[in-house]
């Protein structure tokens, strides 16, 4: 069994667990999606972590289920694509949320 066939599903399980925990994280400077926009507003923090939590659970399930069955390097590419999406979508959402709420003040 190759390293990736074991590592990728374990990382998928990590994303599922972390995604479930993300709902309860209070604003802080140590754990969570810590970018300027989430640290500035508790509403932004909460909204971003709710979206991020859902995405991380879905992404974790996809990684856990799909990567062991993809041939060759495809599993690794799929894993990296999922991680990129799981990182960038909450950041972009937080920025849009910040811009939207800043303009409504």
PDB file of N, CA and C in Angstrom:
ATOM      1  N   UNK A   1       0.850  -1.177   0.000  1.00  0.00           N
ATOM      2  CA  UNK A   1       0.000   0.000   0.000  1.00  0.00           C
ATOM      3  C   UNK A   1       0.895   1.241   0.000  1.00  0.00           C
ATOM      4  N   UNK A   2       0.600   2.170  -0.890  1.00  0.00           N
ATOM      5  CA  UNK A   2       1.423   3.370  -0.988  1.00  0.00           C
ATOM      6  C   UNK A   2       1.077   4.349   0.138  1.00  0.00           C
ATOM      7  N   UNK A   3       2.013   5.229   0.385  1.00  0.00           N
ATOM      8  CA  UNK A   3       1.854   6.235   1.432  1.00  0.00           C
ATOM      9  C   UNK A   3       0.612   7.083   1.197  1.00  0.00           C
ATOM     10  N   UNK A   4       0.400   7.536  -0.045  1.00  0.00           N
ATOM     11  CA  UNK A   4      -0.738   8.409  -0.353  1.00  0.00           C
ATOM     12  C   UNK A   4      -2.077   7.715  -0.161  1.00  0.00           C
ATOM     13  N   UNK A   5      -2.142   6.425  -0.398  1.00  0.00           N
ATOM     14  CA  UNK A   5      -3.408   5.702  -0.225  1.00  0.00           C
ATOM     15  C   UNK A   5      -3.810   5.647   1.247  1.00  0.00           C
ATOM     16  N   UNK A   6      -2.857   5.804   2.146  1.00  0.00           N
ATOM     17  CA  UNK A   6      -3.152   5.854   3.574  1.00  0.00           C
ATOM     18  C   UNK A   6      -3.229   7.298   4.074  1.00  0.00           C
ATOM     19  N   UNK A   7      -2.295   8.141   3.636  1.00  0.00           N
ATOM     20  CA  UNK A   7      -2.207   9.524   4.109  1.00  0.00           C
ATOM     21  C   UNK A   7      -3.428  10.348   3.712  1.00  0.00           C
ATOM     22  N   UNK A   8      -3.827  10.286   2.455  1.00  0.00           N
ATOM     23  CA  UNK A   8      -4.937  11.116   1.976  1.00  0.00           C
ATOM     24  C   UNK A   8      -6.241  10.847   2.729  1.00  0.00           C
ATOM     25  N   UNK A   9      -6.661   9.583   2.908  1.00  0.00           N
ATOM     26  CA  UNK A   9      -7.888   9.356   3.685  1.00  0.00           C
ATOM     27  C   UNK A   9      -7.759   9.804   5.147  1.00  0.00           C
ATOM     28  N   UNK A  10      -6.576   9.646   5.739  1.00  0.00           N
ATOM     29  CA  UNK A  10      -6.392  10.118   7.112  1.00  0.00           C
ATOM     30  C   UNK A  10      -6.519  11.636   7.188  1.00  0.00           C
ATOM     31  N   UNK A  11      -5.994  12.326   6.198  1.00  0.00           N
ATOM     32  CA  UNK A  11      -6.146  13.784   6.150  1.00  0.00           C
ATOM     33  C   UNK A  11      -7.612  14.155   5.923  1.00  0.00           C
ATOM     34  N   UNK A  12      -8.316  13.357   5.130  1.00  0.00           N
ATOM     35  CA  UNK A  12      -9.746  13.586   4.938  1.00  0.00           C
ATOM     36  C   UNK A  12     -10.497  13.496   6.258  1.00  0.00           C
ATOM     37  N   UNK A  13     -10.156  12.507   7.068  1.00  0.00           N
ATOM     38  CA  UNK A  13     -10.777  12.366   8.387  1.00  0.00           C
ATOM     39  C   UNK A  13     -10.430  13.567   9.263  1.00  0.00           C
ATOM     40  N   UNK A  14      -9.186  14.036   9.176  1.00  0.00           N
ATOM     41  CA  UNK A  14      -8.792  15.244   9.909  1.00  0.00           C
ATOM     42  C   UNK A  14      -9.670  16.428   9.511  1.00  0.00           C
ATOM     43  N   UNK A  15      -9.908  16.609   8.205  1.00  0.00           N
ATOM     44  CA  UNK A  15     -10.737  17.725   7.743  1.00  0.00           C
ATOM     45  C   UNK A  15     -12.177  17.590   8.248  1.00  0.00           C
ATOM     46  N   UNK A  16     -12.695  16.372   8.308  1.00  0.00           N
ATOM     47  CA  UNK A  16     -14.047  16.160   8.828  1.00  0.00           C
ATOM     48  C   UNK A  16     -14.117  16.581  10.296  1.00  0.00           C
ATOM     49  N   UNK A  17     -13.162  16.133  11.093  1.00  0.00           N
ATOM     50  CA  UNK A  17     -13.143  16.473  12.524  1.00  0.00           C
ATOM     51  C   UNK A  17     -12.944  17.976  12.714  1.00  0.00           C
ATOM     52  N   UNK A  18     -11.968  18.550  12.010  1.00  0.00           N
ATOM     53  CA  UNK A  18     -11.697  19.988  12.143  1.00  0.00           C
ATOM     54  C   UNK A  18     -12.896  20.816  11.685  1.00  0.00           C
ATOM     55  N   UNK A  19     -13.553  20.377  10.621  1.00  0.00           N
ATOM     56  CA  UNK A  19     -14.733  21.086  10.137  1.00  0.00           C
ATOM     57  C   UNK A  19     -15.851  21.091  11.158  1.00  0.00           C
ATOM     58  N   UNK A  20     -16.038  19.972  11.840  1.00  0.00           N
ATOM     59  CA  UNK A  20     -17.060  19.911  12.890  1.00  0.00           C
ATOM     60  C   UNK A  20     -16.709  20.802  14.077  1.00  0.00           C
ATOM     61  N   UNK A  21     -15.443  20.907  14.394  1.00  0.00           N
ATOM     62  CA  UNK A  21     -15.016  21.750  15.513  1.00  0.00           C
ATOM     63  C   UNK A  21     -15.066  23.237  15.172  1.00  0.00           C
ATOM     64  N   UNK A  22     -15.001  23.565  13.897  1.00  0.00           N
ATOM     65  CA  UNK A  22     -14.950  24.962  13.475  1.00  0.00           C
ATOM     66  C   UNK A  22     -16.185  25.756  13.886  1.00  0.00           C
ATOM     67  N   UNK A  23     -17.321  25.098  14.006  1.00  0.00           N
ATOM     68  CA  UNK A  23     -18.558  25.791  14.375  1.00  0.00           C
ATOM     69  C   UNK A  23     -18.462  26.441  15.752  1.00  0.00           C
ATOM     70  N   UNK A  24     -17.687  25.853  16.640  1.00  0.00           N
ATOM     71  CA  UNK A  24     -17.660  26.300  18.034  1.00  0.00           C
ATOM     72  C   UNK A  24     -16.473  27.179  18.388  1.00  0.00           C
ATOM     73  N   UNK A  25     -15.608  27.467  17.443  1.00  0.00           N
ATOM     74  CA  UNK A  25     -14.418  28.264  17.742  1.00  0.00           C
ATOM     75  C   UNK A  25     -14.815  29.724  17.923  1.00  0.00           C
ATOM     76  N   UNK A  26     -14.455  30.264  19.062  1.00  0.00           N
ATOM     77  CA  UNK A  26     -14.692  31.687  19.325  1.00  0.00           C
ATOM     78  C   UNK A  26     -13.549  32.497  18.703  1.00  0.00           C
ATOM     79  N   UNK A  27     -13.797  33.759  18.377  1.00  0.00           N
ATOM     80  CA  UNK A  27     -12.733  34.588  17.800  1.00  0.00           C
ATOM     81  C   UNK A  27     -11.494  34.626  18.700  1.00  0.00           C
ATOM     82  N   UNK A  28     -10.329  34.368  18.099  1.00  0.00           N
ATOM     83  CA  UNK A  28      -9.065  34.374  18.826  1.00  0.00           C
ATOM     84  C   UNK A  28      -7.922  34.538  17.833  1.00  0.00           C
ATOM     85  N   UNK A  29      -6.718  34.660  18.337  1.00  0.00           N
ATOM     86  CA  UNK A  29      -5.551  34.862  17.474  1.00  0.00           C
ATOM     87  C   UNK A  29      -4.732  33.587  17.295  1.00  0.00           C
ATOM     88  N   UNK A  30      -5.230  32.428  17.746  1.00  0.00           N
ATOM     89  CA  UNK A  30      -4.428  31.214  17.722  1.00  0.00           C
ATOM     90  C   UNK A  30      -4.994  30.098  16.852  1.00  0.00           C
ATOM     91  N   UNK A  31      -6.318  29.917  16.844  1.00  0.00           N
ATOM     92  CA  UNK A  31      -6.934  28.790  16.151  1.00  0.00           C
ATOM     93  C   UNK A  31      -8.062  29.297  15.264  1.00  0.00           C
ATOM     94  N   UNK A  32      -8.147  28.768  14.060  1.00  0.00           N
ATOM     95  CA  UNK A  32      -9.238  29.120  13.162  1.00  0.00           C
ATOM     96  C   UNK A  32      -8.742  29.812  11.906  1.00  0.00           C
ATOM     97  N   UNK A  33      -9.670  30.361  11.161  1.00  0.00           N
ATOM     98  CA  UNK A  33      -9.352  31.094   9.934  1.00  0.00           C
ATOM     99  C   UNK A  33      -9.037  32.521  10.366  1.00  0.00           C
ATOM    100  N   UNK A  34      -7.765  32.767  10.613  1.00  0.00           N
ATOM    101  CA  UNK A  34      -7.315  34.032  11.186  1.00  0.00           C
ATOM    102  C   UNK A  34      -6.772  34.942  10.092  1.00  0.00           C
ATOM    103  N   UNK A  35      -7.652  35.701   9.522  1.00  0.00           N
ATOM    104  CA  UNK A  35      -7.263  36.690   8.519  1.00  0.00           C
ATOM    105  C   UNK A  35      -7.797  38.039   8.996  1.00  0.00           C
ATOM    106  N   UNK A  36      -7.309  39.140   8.461  1.00  0.00           N
ATOM    107  CA  UNK A  36      -7.704  40.454   8.998  1.00  0.00           C
ATOM    108  C   UNK A  36      -9.213  40.664   9.087  1.00  0.00           C
ATOM    109  N   UNK A  37      -9.959  40.179   8.121  1.00  0.00           N
ATOM    110  CA  UNK A  37     -11.400  40.434   8.081  1.00  0.00           C
ATOM    111  C   UNK A  37     -12.151  39.647   9.138  1.00  0.00           C
ATOM    112  N   UNK A  38     -11.718  38.430   9.424  1.00  0.00           N
ATOM    113  CA  UNK A  38     -12.405  37.655  10.464  1.00  0.00           C
ATOM    114  C   UNK A  38     -12.034  38.160  11.849  1.00  0.00           C
ATOM    115  N   UNK A  39     -10.813  38.640  12.009  1.00  0.00           N
ATOM    116  CA  UNK A  39     -10.387  39.141  13.312  1.00  0.00           C
ATOM    117  C   UNK A  39     -11.017  40.492  13.640  1.00  0.00           C
ATOM    118  N   UNK A  40     -11.441  41.215  12.623  1.00  0.00           N
ATOM    119  CA  UNK A  40     -12.025  42.540  12.830  1.00  0.00           C
ATOM    120  C   UNK A  40     -13.485  42.475  13.272  1.00  0.00           C
ATOM    121  N   UNK A  41     -14.202  41.446  12.840  1.00  0.00           N
ATOM    122  CA  UNK A  41     -15.640  41.388  13.098  1.00  0.00           C
ATOM    123  C   UNK A  41     -16.044  40.000  13.586  1.00  0.00           C
ATOM    124  N   UNK A  42     -16.751  39.972  14.704  1.00  0.00           N
ATOM    125  CA  UNK A  42     -17.226  38.689  15.229  1.00  0.00           C
ATOM    126  C   UNK A  42     -18.255  38.051  14.296  1.00  0.00           C
ATOM    127  N   UNK A  43     -19.086  38.869  13.653  1.00  0.00           N
ATOM    128  CA  UNK A  43     -20.055  38.335  12.692  1.00  0.00           C
ATOM    129  C   UNK A  43     -19.345  37.696  11.502  1.00  0.00           C
ATOM    130  N   UNK A  44     -18.303  38.348  11.010  1.00  0.00           N
ATOM    131  CA  UNK A  44     -17.522  37.804   9.902  1.00  0.00           C
ATOM    132  C   UNK A  44     -16.857  36.497  10.332  1.00  0.00           C
ATOM    133  N   UNK A  45     -16.294  36.475  11.527  1.00  0.00           N
ATOM    134  CA  UNK A  45     -15.656  35.264  12.056  1.00  0.00           C
ATOM    135  C   UNK A  45     -16.662  34.110  12.062  1.00  0.00           C
ATOM    136  N   UNK A  46     -17.838  34.378  12.632  1.00  0.00           N
ATOM    137  CA  UNK A  46     -18.858  33.335  12.759  1.00  0.00           C
ATOM    138  C   UNK A  46     -19.313  32.836  11.389  1.00  0.00           C
ATOM    139  N   UNK A  47     -19.622  33.760  10.477  1.00  0.00           N
ATOM    140  CA  UNK A  47     -20.100  33.372   9.144  1.00  0.00           C
ATOM    141  C   UNK A  47     -19.031  32.598   8.379  1.00  0.00           C
ATOM    142  N   UNK A  48     -17.794  33.068   8.453  1.00  0.00           N
ATOM    143  CA  UNK A  48     -16.703  32.400   7.739  1.00  0.00           C
ATOM    144  C   UNK A  48     -16.458  31.008   8.297  1.00  0.00           C
ATOM    145  N   UNK A  49     -16.502  30.855   9.610  1.00  0.00           N
ATOM    146  CA  UNK A  49     -16.259  29.543  10.210  1.00  0.00           C
ATOM    147  C   UNK A  49     -17.421  28.579   9.996  1.00  0.00           C
ATOM    148  N   UNK A  50     -18.635  29.091   9.890  1.00  0.00           N
ATOM    149  CA  UNK A  50     -19.764  28.211   9.563  1.00  0.00           C
ATOM    150  C   UNK A  50     -19.616  27.687   8.134  1.00  0.00           C
ATOM    151  N   UNK A  51     -19.300  28.579   7.205  1.00  0.00           N
ATOM    152  CA  UNK A  51     -19.084  28.130   5.827  1.00  0.00           C
ATOM    153  C   UNK A  51     -17.879  27.201   5.751  1.00  0.00           C
ATOM    154  N   UNK A  52     -16.777  27.615   6.370  1.00  0.00           N
ATOM    155  CA  UNK A  52     -15.568  26.792   6.357  1.00  0.00           C
ATOM    156  C   UNK A  52     -15.803  25.421   6.961  1.00  0.00           C
ATOM    157  N   UNK A  53     -16.549  25.364   8.052  1.00  0.00           N
ATOM    158  CA  UNK A  53     -16.844  24.080   8.683  1.00  0.00           C
ATOM    159  C   UNK A  53     -17.607  23.151   7.757  1.00  0.00           C
ATOM    160  N   UNK A  54     -18.625  23.687   7.092  1.00  0.00           N
ATOM    161  CA  UNK A  54     -19.395  22.867   6.142  1.00  0.00           C
ATOM    162  C   UNK A  54     -18.512  22.390   4.994  1.00  0.00           C
ATOM    163  N   UNK A  55     -17.720  23.308   4.442  1.00  0.00           N
ATOM    164  CA  UNK A  55     -16.845  22.938   3.328  1.00  0.00           C
ATOM    165  C   UNK A  55     -15.822  21.893   3.745  1.00  0.00           C
ATOM    166  N   UNK A  56     -15.233  22.055   4.925  1.00  0.00           N
ATOM    167  CA  UNK A  56     -14.215  21.114   5.376  1.00  0.00           C
ATOM    168  C   UNK A  56     -14.802  19.721   5.601  1.00  0.00           C
ATOM    169  N   UNK A  57     -16.025  19.644   6.105  1.00  0.00           N
ATOM    170  CA  UNK A  57     -16.653  18.328   6.277  1.00  0.00           C
ATOM    171  C   UNK A  57     -16.907  17.693   4.911  1.00  0.00           C
ATOM    172  N   UNK A  58     -17.484  18.448   3.991  1.00  0.00           N
ATOM    173  CA  UNK A  58     -17.752  17.920   2.646  1.00  0.00           C
ATOM    174  C   UNK A  58     -16.447  17.537   1.955  1.00  0.00           C
ATOM    175  N   UNK A  59     -15.458  18.420   2.019  1.00  0.00           N
ATOM    176  CA  UNK A  59     -14.160  18.128   1.407  1.00  0.00           C
ATOM    177  C   UNK A  59     -13.496  16.921   2.040  1.00  0.00           C
ATOM    178  N   UNK A  60     -13.599  16.811   3.362  1.00  0.00           N
ATOM    179  CA  UNK A  60     -13.017  15.662   4.052  1.00  0.00           C
ATOM    180  C   UNK A  60     -13.655  14.353   3.635  1.00  0.00           C
ATOM    181  N   UNK A  61     -14.970  14.359   3.484  1.00  0.00           N
ATOM    182  CA  UNK A  61     -15.668  13.147   3.023  1.00  0.00           C
ATOM    183  C   UNK A  61     -15.212  12.795   1.608  1.00  0.00           C
ATOM    184  N   UNK A  62     -15.158  13.794   0.722  1.00  0.00           N
ATOM    185  CA  UNK A  62     -14.708  13.537  -0.657  1.00  0.00           C
ATOM    186  C   UNK A  62     -13.288  12.983  -0.688  1.00  0.00           C
ATOM    187  N   UNK A  63     -12.398  13.587   0.089  1.00  0.00           N
ATOM    188  CA  UNK A  63     -11.005  13.122   0.129  1.00  0.00           C
ATOM    189  C   UNK A  63     -10.935  11.700   0.661  1.00  0.00           C
ATOM    190  N   UNK A  64     -11.652  11.428   1.749  1.00  0.00           N
ATOM    191  CA  UNK A  64     -11.611  10.103   2.371  1.00  0.00           C
ATOM    192  C   UNK A  64     -12.164   9.024   1.450  1.00  0.00           C
ATOM    193  N   UNK A  65     -13.250   9.330   0.764  1.00  0.00           N
ATOM    194  CA  UNK A  65     -13.916   8.326  -0.068  1.00  0.00           C
ATOM    195  C   UNK A  65     -13.238   8.172  -1.425  1.00  0.00           C
ATOM    196  N   UNK A  66     -12.834   9.267  -2.040  1.00  0.00           N
ATOM    197  CA  UNK A  66     -12.369   9.221  -3.431  1.00  0.00           C
ATOM    198  C   UNK A  66     -10.890   8.889  -3.607  1.00  0.00           C
ATOM    199  N   UNK A  67     -10.023   9.456  -2.773  1.00  0.00           N
ATOM    200  CA  UNK A  67      -8.587   9.323  -3.060  1.00  0.00           C
ATOM    201  C   UNK A  67      -8.055   7.892  -3.051  1.00  0.00           C
ATOM    202  N   UNK A  68      -8.556   6.981  -2.214  1.00  0.00           N
ATOM    203  CA  UNK A  68      -7.996   5.625  -2.269  1.00  0.00           C
ATOM    204  C   UNK A  68      -8.279   4.897  -3.585  1.00  0.00           C
ATOM    205  N   UNK A  69      -9.291   5.337  -4.313  1.00  0.00           N
ATOM    206  CA  UNK A  69      -9.697   4.623  -5.517  1.00  0.00           C
ATOM    207  C   UNK A  69      -9.219   5.272  -6.809  1.00  0.00           C
ATOM    208  N   UNK A  70      -8.607   6.441  -6.712  1.00  0.00           N
ATOM    209  CA  UNK A  70      -8.109   7.105  -7.917  1.00  0.00           C
ATOM    210  C   UNK A  70      -6.760   6.512  -8.295  1.00  0.00           C
ATOM    211  N   UNK A  71      -6.545   6.274  -9.582  1.00  0.00           N
ATOM    212  CA  UNK A  71      -5.313   5.604 -10.013  1.00  0.00           C
ATOM    213  C   UNK A  71      -4.097   6.530  -9.994  1.00  0.00           C
ATOM    214  N   UNK A  72      -2.935   5.955  -9.728  1.00  0.00           N
ATOM    215  CA  UNK A  72      -1.662   6.671  -9.831  1.00  0.00           C
ATOM    216  C   UNK A  72      -1.626   7.951  -9.024  1.00  0.00           C
ATOM    217  N   UNK A  73      -1.142   8.989  -9.685  1.00  0.00           N
ATOM    218  CA  UNK A  73      -0.999  10.288  -9.023  1.00  0.00           C
ATOM    219  C   UNK A  73      -2.302  11.073  -8.961  1.00  0.00           C
ATOM    220  N   UNK A  74      -3.344  10.557  -9.555  1.00  0.00           N
ATOM    221  CA  UNK A  74      -4.628  11.265  -9.572  1.00  0.00           C
ATOM    222  C   UNK A  74      -5.152  11.534  -8.166  1.00  0.00           C
ATOM    223  N   UNK A  75      -4.939  10.597  -7.251  1.00  0.00           N
ATOM    224  CA  UNK A  75      -5.379  10.790  -5.874  1.00  0.00           C
ATOM    225  C   UNK A  75      -4.690  11.976  -5.220  1.00  0.00           C
ATOM    226  N   UNK A  76      -3.399  12.108  -5.467  1.00  0.00           N
ATOM    227  CA  UNK A  76      -2.651  13.239  -4.925  1.00  0.00           C
ATOM    228  C   UNK A  76      -3.096  14.556  -5.522  1.00  0.00           C
ATOM    229  N   UNK A  77      -3.352  14.554  -6.830  1.00  0.00           N
ATOM    230  CA  UNK A  77      -3.829  15.778  -7.484  1.00  0.00           C
ATOM    231  C   UNK A  77      -5.215  16.166  -6.972  1.00  0.00           C
ATOM    232  N   UNK A  78      -6.072  15.167  -6.797  1.00  0.00           N
ATOM    233  CA  UNK A  78      -7.413  15.423  -6.269  1.00  0.00           C
ATOM    234  C   UNK A  78      -7.323  15.989  -4.855  1.00  0.00           C
ATOM    235  N   UNK A  79      -6.456  15.392  -4.040  1.00  0.00           N
ATOM    236  CA  UNK A  79      -6.254  15.866  -2.673  1.00  0.00           C
ATOM    237  C   UNK A  79      -5.798  17.322  -2.663  1.00  0.00           C
ATOM    238  N   UNK A  80      -4.808  17.651  -3.474  1.00  0.00           N
ATOM    239  CA  UNK A  80      -4.283  19.022  -3.505  1.00  0.00           C
ATOM    240  C   UNK A  80      -5.339  20.009  -4.005  1.00  0.00           C
ATOM    241  N   UNK A  81      -6.126  19.612  -4.994  1.00  0.00           N
ATOM    242  CA  UNK A  81      -7.193  20.487  -5.496  1.00  0.00           C
ATOM    243  C   UNK A  81      -8.223  20.753  -4.397  1.00  0.00           C
ATOM    244  N   UNK A  82      -8.590  19.716  -3.664  1.00  0.00           N
ATOM    245  CA  UNK A  82      -9.550  19.886  -2.564  1.00  0.00           C
ATOM    246  C   UNK A  82      -8.994  20.813  -1.490  1.00  0.00           C
ATOM    247  N   UNK A  83      -7.742  20.620  -1.104  1.00  0.00           N
ATOM    248  CA  UNK A  83      -7.133  21.457  -0.069  1.00  0.00           C
ATOM    249  C   UNK A  83      -7.085  22.913  -0.522  1.00  0.00           C
ATOM    250  N   UNK A  84      -6.765  23.137  -1.781  1.00  0.00           N
ATOM    251  CA  UNK A  84      -6.732  24.502  -2.315  1.00  0.00           C
ATOM    252  C   UNK A  84      -8.118  25.149  -2.225  1.00  0.00           C
ATOM    253  N   UNK A  85      -9.135  24.405  -2.610  1.00  0.00           N
ATOM    254  CA  UNK A  85     -10.510  24.916  -2.529  1.00  0.00           C
ATOM    255  C   UNK A  85     -10.901  25.172  -1.074  1.00  0.00           C
ATOM    256  N   UNK A  86     -10.560  24.238  -0.177  1.00  0.00           N
ATOM    257  CA  UNK A  86     -10.911  24.382   1.236  1.00  0.00           C
ATOM    258  C   UNK A  86     -10.205  25.569   1.884  1.00  0.00           C
ATOM    259  N   UNK A  87      -9.065  25.955   1.360  1.00  0.00           N
ATOM    260  CA  UNK A  87      -8.338  27.110   1.897  1.00  0.00           C
ATOM    261  C   UNK A  87      -8.836  28.419   1.301  1.00  0.00           C
ATOM    262  N   UNK A  88      -9.045  28.445  -0.010  1.00  0.00           N
ATOM    263  CA  UNK A  88      -9.338  29.712  -0.687  1.00  0.00           C
ATOM    264  C   UNK A  88     -10.791  30.169  -0.569  1.00  0.00           C
ATOM    265  N   UNK A  89     -11.735  29.256  -0.617  1.00  0.00           N
ATOM    266  CA  UNK A  89     -13.149  29.654  -0.596  1.00  0.00           C
ATOM    267  C   UNK A  89     -13.512  30.399   0.698  1.00  0.00           C
ATOM    268  N   UNK A  90     -13.145  29.909   1.891  1.00  0.00           N
ATOM    269  CA  UNK A  90     -13.470  30.688   3.097  1.00  0.00           C
ATOM    270  C   UNK A  90     -12.780  32.058   3.138  1.00  0.00           C
ATOM    271  N   UNK A  91     -11.571  32.148   2.618  1.00  0.00           N
ATOM    272  CA  UNK A  91     -10.867  33.434   2.587  1.00  0.00           C
ATOM    273  C   UNK A  91     -11.598  34.408   1.670  1.00  0.00           C
ATOM    274  N   UNK A  92     -11.976  33.945   0.489  1.00  0.00           N
ATOM    275  CA  UNK A  92     -12.700  34.816  -0.440  1.00  0.00           C
ATOM    276  C   UNK A  92     -14.059  35.209   0.142  1.00  0.00           C
ATOM    277  N   UNK A  93     -14.740  34.261   0.764  1.00  0.00           N
ATOM    278  CA  UNK A  93     -16.037  34.541   1.382  1.00  0.00           C
ATOM    279  C   UNK A  93     -15.895  35.609   2.465  1.00  0.00           C
ATOM    280  N   UNK A  94     -14.872  35.484   3.289  1.00  0.00           N
ATOM    281  CA  UNK A  94     -14.650  36.450   4.355  1.00  0.00           C
ATOM    282  C   UNK A  94     -14.404  37.847   3.801  1.00  0.00           C
ATOM    283  N   UNK A  95     -13.643  37.935   2.728  1.00  0.00           N
ATOM    284  CA  UNK A  95     -13.367  39.234   2.110  1.00  0.00           C
ATOM    285  C   UNK A  95     -14.649  39.852   1.552  1.00  0.00           C
ATOM    286  N   UNK A  96     -15.443  39.048   0.853  1.00  0.00           N
ATOM    287  CA  UNK A  96     -16.704  39.542   0.288  1.00  0.00           C
ATOM    288  C   UNK A  96     -17.647  39.969   1.417  1.00  0.00           C
ATOM    289  N   UNK A  97     -17.720  39.182   2.470  1.00  0.00           N
ATOM    290  CA  UNK A  97     -18.551  39.514   3.632  1.00  0.00           C
ATOM    291  C   UNK A  97     -18.102  40.841   4.235  1.00  0.00           C
ATOM    292  N   UNK A  98     -16.797  41.026   4.361  1.00  0.00           N
ATOM    293  CA  UNK A  98     -16.238  42.269   4.898  1.00  0.00           C
ATOM    294  C   UNK A  98     -16.616  43.460   4.028  1.00  0.00           C
ATOM    295  N   UNK A  99     -16.419  43.330   2.717  1.00  0.00           N
ATOM    296  CA  UNK A  99     -16.733  44.431   1.793  1.00  0.00           C
ATOM    297  C   UNK A  99     -18.227  44.758   1.821  1.00  0.00           C
ATOM    298  N   UNK A 100     -19.051  43.729   1.826  1.00  0.00           N
ATOM    299  CA  UNK A 100     -20.503  43.925   1.810  1.00  0.00           C
ATOM    300  C   UNK A 100     -20.970  44.650   3.072  1.00  0.00           C
ATOM    301  N   UNK A 101     -20.477  44.241   4.210  1.00  0.00           N
ATOM    302  CA  UNK A 101     -20.911  44.843   5.473  1.00  0.00           C
ATOM    303  C   UNK A 101     -20.260  46.192   5.737  1.00  0.00           C
ATOM    304  N   UNK A 102     -19.093  46.419   5.192  1.00  0.00           N
ATOM    305  CA  UNK A 102     -18.446  47.721   5.346  1.00  0.00           C
ATOM    306  C   UNK A 102     -19.185  48.778   4.544  1.00  0.00           C
ATOM    307  N   UNK A 103     -19.649  48.408   3.349  1.00  0.00           N
ATOM    308  CA  UNK A 103     -20.346  49.377   2.503  1.00  0.00           C
ATOM    309  C   UNK A 103     -21.754  49.679   3.015  1.00  0.00           C
ATOM    310  N   UNK A 104     -22.306  48.791   3.845  1.00  0.00           N
ATOM    311  CA  UNK A 104     -23.661  49.022   4.355  1.00  0.00           C
ATOM    312  C   UNK A 104     -23.672  49.873   5.621  1.00  0.00           C
ATOM    313  N   UNK A 105     -22.507  50.223   6.135  1.00  0.00           N
ATOM    314  CA  UNK A 105     -22.452  51.049   7.358  1.00  0.00           C
ATOM    315  C   UNK A 105     -22.775  52.489   7.086  1.00  0.00           C
TER     316      UNK A 105
END
